[in-house]
Amino acid sequence: MHIVNHNRKAWDGLVERANRWTVPVSSEVIQAARAGKWSILLTPQKAIPAEWFPPLKDLEVLCLAGGGGQQGPVLAAAGAKVTVFDNSPKQLAQDRTVADRDGLSLKTVVGDMADLSCFAEGAFDLVVHPCSNSYVPAVRPVWQEIHRVLRRGGILLAGFVNPACYIFDETLANKGELKVRHALPYSDITNLTEEEQMRLLNEGEPFCFSHSLTELIGGQIEAGLVLTSMYEDNWPEQILSKYMPGYIATRALKSKENLAGETEATVLSPDKLK
């Protein structure tokens, strides 16, 4: 199976079924963002802290694997120069729908989050990467590509699934029962039976993969990013949320080198990022 192609079709289908993460924001949300009142999500519930953002005016922002007409249009309305990159053409169509409806300027690009070769090195000041890397088999290439396309002093805001979520039988969890079934790392390709995989295919569901905390957090550090903050979040619809946070968000910087060859994690103002 070609995972990128399958997941592209699956997310196109989720748009048609109005999955929560495919429903565009309203014109009222865009109007508020233009007035300086806005927030966006990396994880199911908690808004990204306002202090995690630099001033957005004219900032070059990449919404990575973030289509759906949600984060990108809000950031564009708040003054950023936004590019939305996603594997699903129909997800990106949601962003263009909001842009056309509300007179926003933003770019959309179709592609695999692990391959950002269409962008030059140091092209962006800020990368916003909401929970989505569970749809790729390997996450380290994603961090490496983010590091490459960020300018020095640039910021990465990323959300991801706590790998512990994947040890439970999903079918039973959806019925309110937690039963440990899977060893980690988890993969729909290797952990599910052939019958279960066929059901996912027939239902048009994307294939998922767990990544260890070493890959999710340590991988950012290995790529050259400096973590500055994090928080955890829950999804109340999921039974596991009664016992532990199922989602993590991190803020990281692409460090710059000073004259002594040491690294420092200084947040640069937009004019200094140019």
C-alpha atoms as a PDB file:
ATOM      1  CA  MET A   1       0.000   0.000   0.000  1.00  0.00           C
ATOM      2  CA  HIS A   2       1.194   3.514  -0.805  1.00  0.00           C
ATOM      3  CA  ILE A   3       0.369   5.268   2.464  1.00  0.00           C
ATOM      4  CA  VAL A   4       0.543   8.845   1.140  1.00  0.00           C
ATOM      5  CA  ASN A   5      -1.855   8.071  -1.707  1.00  0.00           C
ATOM      6  CA  HIS A   6      -4.263   6.100   0.479  1.00  0.00           C
ATOM      7  CA  ASN A   7      -4.358   8.757   3.193  1.00  0.00           C
ATOM      8  CA  ARG A   8      -4.866  11.477   0.587  1.00  0.00           C
ATOM      9  CA  LYS A   9      -7.992   9.722  -0.686  1.00  0.00           C
ATOM     10  CA  ALA A  10      -9.128   8.986   2.864  1.00  0.00           C
ATOM     11  CA  TRP A  11      -8.931  12.617   3.949  1.00  0.00           C
ATOM     12  CA  ASP A  12     -10.659  13.725   0.760  1.00  0.00           C
ATOM     13  CA  GLY A  13     -13.440  11.388   1.831  1.00  0.00           C
ATOM     14  CA  LEU A  14     -13.469  12.780   5.369  1.00  0.00           C
ATOM     15  CA  VAL A  15     -14.060  16.235   3.889  1.00  0.00           C
ATOM     16  CA  GLU A  16     -17.149  14.893   2.126  1.00  0.00           C
ATOM     17  CA  ARG A  17     -18.309  13.400   5.443  1.00  0.00           C
ATOM     18  CA  ALA A  18     -17.717  16.700   7.296  1.00  0.00           C
ATOM     19  CA  ASN A  19     -15.184  15.340   9.767  1.00  0.00           C
ATOM     20  CA  ARG A  20     -14.566  17.827  12.583  1.00  0.00           C
ATOM     21  CA  TRP A  21     -11.126  18.763  11.248  1.00  0.00           C
ATOM     22  CA  THR A  22     -12.437  19.500   7.754  1.00  0.00           C
ATOM     23  CA  VAL A  23     -15.121  22.090   8.610  1.00  0.00           C
ATOM     24  CA  PRO A  24     -14.023  25.664   7.771  1.00  0.00           C
ATOM     25  CA  VAL A  25     -14.279  28.504  10.254  1.00  0.00           C
ATOM     26  CA  SER A  26     -17.107  30.997   9.895  1.00  0.00           C
ATOM     27  CA  SER A  27     -16.951  34.534   8.532  1.00  0.00           C
ATOM     28  CA  GLU A  28     -17.511  35.743  12.097  1.00  0.00           C
ATOM     29  CA  VAL A  29     -14.297  34.027  13.194  1.00  0.00           C
ATOM     30  CA  ILE A  30     -12.398  35.683  10.333  1.00  0.00           C
ATOM     31  CA  GLN A  31     -13.879  39.086  11.154  1.00  0.00           C
ATOM     32  CA  ALA A  32     -12.806  38.705  14.781  1.00  0.00           C
ATOM     33  CA  ALA A  33      -9.287  37.685  13.709  1.00  0.00           C
ATOM     34  CA  ARG A  34      -9.013  40.818  11.604  1.00  0.00           C
ATOM     35  CA  ALA A  35      -9.879  42.770  14.740  1.00  0.00           C
ATOM     36  CA  GLY A  36      -7.116  41.011  16.682  1.00  0.00           C
ATOM     37  CA  LYS A  37      -9.311  38.508  18.526  1.00  0.00           C
ATOM     38  CA  TRP A  38      -8.319  34.996  17.483  1.00  0.00           C
ATOM     39  CA  SER A  39      -6.988  31.624  18.602  1.00  0.00           C
ATOM     40  CA  ILE A  40      -6.195  28.327  16.896  1.00  0.00           C
ATOM     41  CA  LEU A  41      -5.695  24.702  17.931  1.00  0.00           C
ATOM     42  CA  LEU A  42      -2.837  22.224  17.652  1.00  0.00           C
ATOM     43  CA  THR A  43      -4.698  19.617  19.719  1.00  0.00           C
ATOM     44  CA  PRO A  44      -8.409  18.890  20.283  1.00  0.00           C
ATOM     45  CA  GLN A  45      -9.345  21.471  22.936  1.00  0.00           C
ATOM     46  CA  LYS A  46      -6.721  23.878  24.263  1.00  0.00           C
ATOM     47  CA  ALA A  47      -5.956  26.982  22.256  1.00  0.00           C
ATOM     48  CA  ILE A  48      -2.291  27.701  21.617  1.00  0.00           C
ATOM     49  CA  PRO A  49      -1.109  30.224  24.246  1.00  0.00           C
ATOM     50  CA  ALA A  50      -0.963  33.720  22.773  1.00  0.00           C
ATOM     51  CA  GLU A  51       2.575  34.175  24.094  1.00  0.00           C
ATOM     52  CA  TRP A  52       3.769  31.322  21.875  1.00  0.00           C
ATOM     53  CA  PHE A  53       3.308  33.535  18.812  1.00  0.00           C
ATOM     54  CA  PRO A  54       5.502  36.353  17.553  1.00  0.00           C
ATOM     55  CA  PRO A  55       3.768  39.386  16.007  1.00  0.00           C
ATOM     56  CA  LEU A  56       1.991  37.999  12.930  1.00  0.00           C
ATOM     57  CA  LYS A  57       1.937  41.009  10.615  1.00  0.00           C
ATOM     58  CA  ASP A  58       3.699  40.042   7.366  1.00  0.00           C
ATOM     59  CA  LEU A  59       5.158  36.910   8.987  1.00  0.00           C
ATOM     60  CA  GLU A  60       5.791  34.045   6.552  1.00  0.00           C
ATOM     61  CA  VAL A  61       3.782  31.151   8.000  1.00  0.00           C
ATOM     62  CA  LEU A  62       3.555  27.529   6.890  1.00  0.00           C
ATOM     63  CA  CYS A  63       0.508  25.562   8.076  1.00  0.00           C
ATOM     64  CA  LEU A  64       1.982  22.090   7.679  1.00  0.00           C
ATOM     65  CA  ALA A  65      -0.491  19.243   7.161  1.00  0.00           C
ATOM     66  CA  GLY A  66      -3.003  21.811   8.361  1.00  0.00           C
ATOM     67  CA  GLY A  67      -5.661  22.041   5.669  1.00  0.00           C
ATOM     68  CA  GLY A  68      -9.354  22.204   6.427  1.00  0.00           C
ATOM     69  CA  GLY A  69     -10.091  25.924   6.441  1.00  0.00           C
ATOM     70  CA  GLN A  70      -9.287  26.395  10.119  1.00  0.00           C
ATOM     71  CA  GLN A  71      -5.785  27.529  11.198  1.00  0.00           C
ATOM     72  CA  GLY A  72      -4.567  28.994   7.898  1.00  0.00           C
ATOM     73  CA  PRO A  73      -7.409  31.451   7.211  1.00  0.00           C
ATOM     74  CA  VAL A  74      -7.397  32.684  10.824  1.00  0.00           C
ATOM     75  CA  LEU A  75      -3.664  33.412  10.701  1.00  0.00           C
ATOM     76  CA  ALA A  76      -4.067  35.126   7.326  1.00  0.00           C
ATOM     77  CA  ALA A  77      -6.871  37.294   8.706  1.00  0.00           C
ATOM     78  CA  ALA A  78      -4.606  38.181  11.643  1.00  0.00           C
ATOM     79  CA  GLY A  79      -2.010  39.569   9.218  1.00  0.00           C
ATOM     80  CA  ALA A  80       0.333  36.687   8.348  1.00  0.00           C
ATOM     81  CA  LYS A  81       1.439  35.629   4.869  1.00  0.00           C
ATOM     82  CA  VAL A  82       0.159  32.059   4.946  1.00  0.00           C
ATOM     83  CA  THR A  83       0.944  28.942   2.940  1.00  0.00           C
ATOM     84  CA  VAL A  84      -1.190  25.893   3.711  1.00  0.00           C
ATOM     85  CA  PHE A  85       0.465  22.575   2.831  1.00  0.00           C
ATOM     86  CA  ASP A  86      -1.587  19.385   2.989  1.00  0.00           C
ATOM     87  CA  ASN A  87      -1.790  15.912   1.477  1.00  0.00           C
ATOM     88  CA  SER A  88      -5.523  16.289   0.728  1.00  0.00           C
ATOM     89  CA  PRO A  89      -6.651  18.494  -2.181  1.00  0.00           C
ATOM     90  CA  LYS A  90     -10.147  18.673  -0.716  1.00  0.00           C
ATOM     91  CA  GLN A  91      -8.787  19.827   2.623  1.00  0.00           C
ATOM     92  CA  LEU A  92      -6.941  22.610   0.814  1.00  0.00           C
ATOM     93  CA  ALA A  93     -10.128  23.458  -1.074  1.00  0.00           C
ATOM     94  CA  GLN A  94     -11.670  24.278   2.306  1.00  0.00           C
ATOM     95  CA  ASP A  95      -8.953  26.888   2.891  1.00  0.00           C
ATOM     96  CA  ARG A  96      -9.516  28.404  -0.544  1.00  0.00           C
ATOM     97  CA  THR A  97     -13.257  28.485   0.115  1.00  0.00           C
ATOM     98  CA  VAL A  98     -12.708  30.609   3.216  1.00  0.00           C
ATOM     99  CA  ALA A  99     -10.167  32.795   1.414  1.00  0.00           C
ATOM    100  CA  ASP A 100     -12.552  33.455  -1.492  1.00  0.00           C
ATOM    101  CA  ARG A 101     -15.534  33.981   0.795  1.00  0.00           C
ATOM    102  CA  ASP A 102     -13.798  36.454   3.091  1.00  0.00           C
ATOM    103  CA  GLY A 103     -11.274  38.096   0.772  1.00  0.00           C
ATOM    104  CA  LEU A 104      -8.122  36.563   2.247  1.00  0.00           C
ATOM    105  CA  SER A 105      -4.783  36.054   0.557  1.00  0.00           C
ATOM    106  CA  LEU A 106      -3.208  32.647   1.152  1.00  0.00           C
ATOM    107  CA  LYS A 107      -1.420  29.952  -0.848  1.00  0.00           C
ATOM    108  CA  THR A 108      -2.237  26.235  -0.910  1.00  0.00           C
ATOM    109  CA  VAL A 109       0.165  23.443  -1.860  1.00  0.00           C
ATOM    110  CA  VAL A 110      -0.523  19.689  -2.127  1.00  0.00           C
ATOM    111  CA  GLY A 111       2.175  17.348  -0.868  1.00  0.00           C
ATOM    112  CA  ASP A 112       3.647  14.907   1.646  1.00  0.00           C
ATOM    113  CA  MET A 113       4.615  16.532   4.966  1.00  0.00           C
ATOM    114  CA  ALA A 114       7.895  14.573   4.945  1.00  0.00           C
ATOM    115  CA  ASP A 115       8.951  16.200   1.652  1.00  0.00           C
ATOM    116  CA  LEU A 116       8.998  20.001   1.588  1.00  0.00           C
ATOM    117  CA  SER A 117      11.443  20.203  -1.308  1.00  0.00           C
ATOM    118  CA  CYS A 118       9.148  22.658  -3.101  1.00  0.00           C
ATOM    119  CA  PHE A 119      10.175  25.271  -0.510  1.00  0.00           C
ATOM    120  CA  ALA A 120      13.558  26.964  -0.261  1.00  0.00           C
ATOM    121  CA  GLU A 121      15.732  26.692   2.837  1.00  0.00           C
ATOM    122  CA  GLY A 122      14.748  29.316   5.389  1.00  0.00           C
ATOM    123  CA  ALA A 123      11.495  30.207   3.641  1.00  0.00           C
ATOM    124  CA  PHE A 124       9.314  30.563   6.759  1.00  0.00           C
ATOM    125  CA  ASP A 125       9.317  32.416  10.076  1.00  0.00           C
ATOM    126  CA  LEU A 126       6.712  30.176  11.697  1.00  0.00           C
ATOM    127  CA  VAL A 127       5.526  26.606  11.094  1.00  0.00           C
ATOM    128  CA  VAL A 128       2.171  25.565  12.581  1.00  0.00           C
ATOM    129  CA  HIS A 129       1.870  21.773  12.555  1.00  0.00           C
ATOM    130  CA  PRO A 130      -1.387  20.554  14.163  1.00  0.00           C
ATOM    131  CA  CYS A 131      -1.889  16.887  15.093  1.00  0.00           C
ATOM    132  CA  SER A 132      -1.253  15.067  11.826  1.00  0.00           C
ATOM    133  CA  ASN A 133       2.096  13.277  11.936  1.00  0.00           C
ATOM    134  CA  SER A 134       0.360  10.100  13.101  1.00  0.00           C
ATOM    135  CA  TYR A 135      -0.570   9.675   9.416  1.00  0.00           C
ATOM    136  CA  VAL A 136       3.061   9.149   8.311  1.00  0.00           C
ATOM    137  CA  PRO A 137       5.172   6.061   9.124  1.00  0.00           C
ATOM    138  CA  ALA A 138       8.259   8.083  10.132  1.00  0.00           C
ATOM    139  CA  VAL A 139       8.269  11.463  11.873  1.00  0.00           C
ATOM    140  CA  ARG A 140      11.986  12.322  11.930  1.00  0.00           C
ATOM    141  CA  PRO A 141      11.967  13.363   8.236  1.00  0.00           C
ATOM    142  CA  VAL A 142       9.128  15.775   9.067  1.00  0.00           C
ATOM    143  CA  TRP A 143      11.192  17.500  11.779  1.00  0.00           C
ATOM    144  CA  GLN A 144      14.232  17.635   9.512  1.00  0.00           C
ATOM    145  CA  GLU A 145      12.259  19.269   6.726  1.00  0.00           C
ATOM    146  CA  ILE A 146      10.704  21.758   9.147  1.00  0.00           C
ATOM    147  CA  HIS A 147      14.150  22.703  10.417  1.00  0.00           C
ATOM    148  CA  ARG A 148      15.344  23.239   6.849  1.00  0.00           C
ATOM    149  CA  VAL A 149      12.491  25.528   5.799  1.00  0.00           C
ATOM    150  CA  LEU A 150      12.572  27.609   9.010  1.00  0.00           C
ATOM    151  CA  ARG A 151      14.686  30.743   9.208  1.00  0.00           C
ATOM    152  CA  ARG A 152      17.130  31.045  12.095  1.00  0.00           C
ATOM    153  CA  GLY A 153      15.160  32.093  15.147  1.00  0.00           C
ATOM    154  CA  GLY A 154      11.997  30.770  13.500  1.00  0.00           C
ATOM    155  CA  ILE A 155       9.338  28.991  15.521  1.00  0.00           C
ATOM    156  CA  LEU A 156       7.675  25.577  15.268  1.00  0.00           C
ATOM    157  CA  LEU A 157       4.344  24.968  17.005  1.00  0.00           C
ATOM    158  CA  ALA A 158       3.474  21.263  16.816  1.00  0.00           C
ATOM    159  CA  GLY A 159       0.762  18.978  18.157  1.00  0.00           C
ATOM    160  CA  PHE A 160       0.853  15.176  18.280  1.00  0.00           C
ATOM    161  CA  VAL A 161      -0.753  12.114  19.835  1.00  0.00           C
ATOM    162  CA  ASN A 162       0.685  10.667  23.033  1.00  0.00           C
ATOM    163  CA  PRO A 163       2.003   7.255  21.891  1.00  0.00           C
ATOM    164  CA  ALA A 164       0.428   5.581  24.935  1.00  0.00           C
ATOM    165  CA  CYS A 165      -2.951   6.023  23.241  1.00  0.00           C
ATOM    166  CA  TYR A 166      -2.051   3.328  20.736  1.00  0.00           C
ATOM    167  CA  ILE A 167      -1.644   0.442  23.177  1.00  0.00           C
ATOM    168  CA  PHE A 168      -5.430   0.027  23.501  1.00  0.00           C
ATOM    169  CA  ASP A 169      -7.875  -1.815  21.261  1.00  0.00           C
ATOM    170  CA  GLU A 170      -9.540   1.036  19.364  1.00  0.00           C
ATOM    171  CA  THR A 171     -12.807  -0.788  18.642  1.00  0.00           C
ATOM    172  CA  LEU A 172     -13.333  -1.515  22.327  1.00  0.00           C
ATOM    173  CA  ALA A 173     -12.203   1.979  23.351  1.00  0.00           C
ATOM    174  CA  ASN A 174     -14.877   3.453  21.108  1.00  0.00           C
ATOM    175  CA  LYS A 175     -17.378   1.381  23.101  1.00  0.00           C
ATOM    176  CA  GLY A 176     -16.051   2.692  26.408  1.00  0.00           C
ATOM    177  CA  GLU A 177     -13.732  -0.194  27.320  1.00  0.00           C
ATOM    178  CA  LEU A 178      -9.978   0.128  27.669  1.00  0.00           C
ATOM    179  CA  LYS A 179      -8.108  -3.081  26.909  1.00  0.00           C
ATOM    180  CA  VAL A 180      -4.366  -3.195  26.327  1.00  0.00           C
ATOM    181  CA  ARG A 181      -3.730  -4.936  23.013  1.00  0.00           C
ATOM    182  CA  HIS A 182      -0.795  -3.473  21.082  1.00  0.00           C
ATOM    183  CA  ALA A 183       2.927  -3.239  21.711  1.00  0.00           C
ATOM    184  CA  LEU A 184       4.558  -0.017  20.567  1.00  0.00           C
ATOM    185  CA  PRO A 185       5.455   1.258  18.061  1.00  0.00           C
ATOM    186  CA  TYR A 186       1.970   0.841  16.637  1.00  0.00           C
ATOM    187  CA  SER A 187       1.067   0.663  12.940  1.00  0.00           C
ATOM    188  CA  ASP A 188      -2.263  -0.066  11.259  1.00  0.00           C
ATOM    189  CA  ILE A 189      -0.186  -2.002   8.738  1.00  0.00           C
ATOM    190  CA  THR A 190       1.490  -4.380  11.191  1.00  0.00           C
ATOM    191  CA  ASN A 191      -0.732  -4.409  14.295  1.00  0.00           C
ATOM    192  CA  LEU A 192      -4.145  -4.973  12.727  1.00  0.00           C
ATOM    193  CA  THR A 193      -5.433  -8.175  11.219  1.00  0.00           C
ATOM    194  CA  GLU A 194      -6.023  -8.367   7.495  1.00  0.00           C
ATOM    195  CA  GLU A 195      -9.764  -8.219   8.153  1.00  0.00           C
ATOM    196  CA  GLU A 196      -9.377  -5.052  10.249  1.00  0.00           C
ATOM    197  CA  GLN A 197      -7.225  -3.437   7.582  1.00  0.00           C
ATOM    198  CA  MET A 198      -9.814  -4.238   4.932  1.00  0.00           C
ATOM    199  CA  ARG A 199     -12.481  -2.629   7.084  1.00  0.00           C
ATOM    200  CA  LEU A 200     -10.416   0.565   7.284  1.00  0.00           C
ATOM    201  CA  LEU A 201      -9.988   0.515   3.520  1.00  0.00           C
ATOM    202  CA  ASN A 202     -13.671  -0.081   2.874  1.00  0.00           C
ATOM    203  CA  GLU A 203     -14.684   2.648   5.311  1.00  0.00           C
ATOM    204  CA  GLY A 204     -12.239   5.118   3.753  1.00  0.00           C
ATOM    205  CA  GLU A 205     -10.326   5.682   6.984  1.00  0.00           C
ATOM    206  CA  PRO A 206      -6.711   6.917   6.942  1.00  0.00           C
ATOM    207  CA  PHE A 207      -3.986   4.597   8.212  1.00  0.00           C
ATOM    208  CA  CYS A 208      -2.260   5.637  11.446  1.00  0.00           C
ATOM    209  CA  PHE A 209       1.133   5.113  13.081  1.00  0.00           C
ATOM    210  CA  SER A 210       2.455   5.780  16.572  1.00  0.00           C
ATOM    211  CA  HIS A 211       5.769   7.497  17.202  1.00  0.00           C
ATOM    212  CA  SER A 212       7.775   7.273  20.392  1.00  0.00           C
ATOM    213  CA  LEU A 213       8.437  10.315  22.578  1.00  0.00           C
ATOM    214  CA  THR A 214      12.064   9.907  21.561  1.00  0.00           C
ATOM    215  CA  GLU A 215      10.986  10.494  17.962  1.00  0.00           C
ATOM    216  CA  LEU A 216       8.346  13.130  18.701  1.00  0.00           C
ATOM    217  CA  ILE A 217      10.361  15.244  21.138  1.00  0.00           C
ATOM    218  CA  GLY A 218      13.912  13.957  20.817  1.00  0.00           C
ATOM    219  CA  GLY A 219      13.531  14.032  17.032  1.00  0.00           C
ATOM    220  CA  GLN A 220      12.915  17.764  17.118  1.00  0.00           C
ATOM    221  CA  ILE A 221      16.064  18.270  19.175  1.00  0.00           C
ATOM    222  CA  GLU A 222      18.082  16.014  16.869  1.00  0.00           C
ATOM    223  CA  ALA A 223      16.903  18.064  13.898  1.00  0.00           C
ATOM    224  CA  GLY A 224      18.379  21.185  15.499  1.00  0.00           C
ATOM    225  CA  LEU A 225      15.307  22.657  17.171  1.00  0.00           C
ATOM    226  CA  VAL A 226      15.308  24.024  20.715  1.00  0.00           C
ATOM    227  CA  LEU A 227      12.187  23.233  22.766  1.00  0.00           C
ATOM    228  CA  THR A 228      10.945  26.158  24.842  1.00  0.00           C
ATOM    229  CA  SER A 229       7.506  25.082  26.100  1.00  0.00           C
ATOM    230  CA  MET A 230       4.837  22.381  25.975  1.00  0.00           C
ATOM    231  CA  TYR A 231       1.374  21.472  27.234  1.00  0.00           C
ATOM    232  CA  GLU A 232      -0.919  18.436  27.279  1.00  0.00           C
ATOM    233  CA  ASP A 233      -4.518  18.185  26.128  1.00  0.00           C
ATOM    234  CA  ASN A 234      -7.467  15.800  26.068  1.00  0.00           C
ATOM    235  CA  TRP A 235     -10.321  14.854  23.776  1.00  0.00           C
ATOM    236  CA  PRO A 236     -13.376  14.353  26.037  1.00  0.00           C
ATOM    237  CA  GLU A 237     -15.052  12.101  23.463  1.00  0.00           C
ATOM    238  CA  GLN A 238     -12.334   9.507  24.048  1.00  0.00           C
ATOM    239  CA  ILE A 239     -12.598   7.207  27.078  1.00  0.00           C
ATOM    240  CA  LEU A 240      -8.846   7.479  27.741  1.00  0.00           C
ATOM    241  CA  SER A 241      -9.287  11.180  28.551  1.00  0.00           C
ATOM    242  CA  LYS A 242     -10.711  10.152  31.933  1.00  0.00           C
ATOM    243  CA  TYR A 243      -7.311   8.797  32.904  1.00  0.00           C
ATOM    244  CA  MET A 244      -4.561  10.668  31.051  1.00  0.00           C
ATOM    245  CA  PRO A 245      -3.898  13.408  28.503  1.00  0.00           C
ATOM    246  CA  GLY A 246      -3.855  11.931  25.020  1.00  0.00           C
ATOM    247  CA  TYR A 247      -2.236  14.859  23.196  1.00  0.00           C
ATOM    248  CA  ILE A 248       0.904  16.966  23.480  1.00  0.00           C
ATOM    249  CA  ALA A 249       1.834  20.336  22.005  1.00  0.00           C
ATOM    250  CA  THR A 250       5.348  21.751  21.841  1.00  0.00           C
ATOM    251  CA  ARG A 251       6.947  25.074  20.959  1.00  0.00           C
ATOM    252  CA  ALA A 252      10.458  24.988  19.505  1.00  0.00           C
ATOM    253  CA  LEU A 253      12.904  27.404  17.897  1.00  0.00           C
ATOM    254  CA  LYS A 254      15.450  27.014  15.155  1.00  0.00           C
ATOM    255  CA  SER A 255      18.485  28.214  17.077  1.00  0.00           C
ATOM    256  CA  LYS A 256      20.947  30.728  15.775  1.00  0.00           C
ATOM    257  CA  GLU A 257      24.683  30.636  16.350  1.00  0.00           C
ATOM    258  CA  ASN A 258      26.470  33.501  18.056  1.00  0.00           C
ATOM    259  CA  LEU A 259      30.034  34.511  17.381  1.00  0.00           C
ATOM    260  CA  ALA A 260      31.332  32.071  19.993  1.00  0.00           C
ATOM    261  CA  GLY A 261      29.747  29.194  18.127  1.00  0.00           C
ATOM    262  CA  GLU A 262      27.213  28.596  20.894  1.00  0.00           C
ATOM    263  CA  THR A 263      23.500  28.305  20.239  1.00  0.00           C
ATOM    264  CA  GLU A 264      20.875  30.549  21.752  1.00  0.00           C
ATOM    265  CA  ALA A 265      17.103  30.344  21.617  1.00  0.00           C
ATOM    266  CA  THR A 266      16.254  34.001  21.116  1.00  0.00           C
ATOM    267  CA  VAL A 267      12.837  34.873  19.709  1.00  0.00           C
ATOM    268  CA  LEU A 268      13.429  37.325  16.903  1.00  0.00           C
ATOM    269  CA  SER A 269      11.003  40.028  15.931  1.00  0.00           C
ATOM    270  CA  PRO A 270       9.569  39.673  12.400  1.00  0.00           C
ATOM    271  CA  ASP A 271      11.758  42.441  10.989  1.00  0.00           C
ATOM    272  CA  LYS A 272      14.884  40.662  12.266  1.00  0.00           C
ATOM    273  CA  LEU A 273      13.736  37.369  10.784  1.00  0.00           C
ATOM    274  CA  LYS A 274      13.860  38.857   7.274  1.00  0.00           C
END
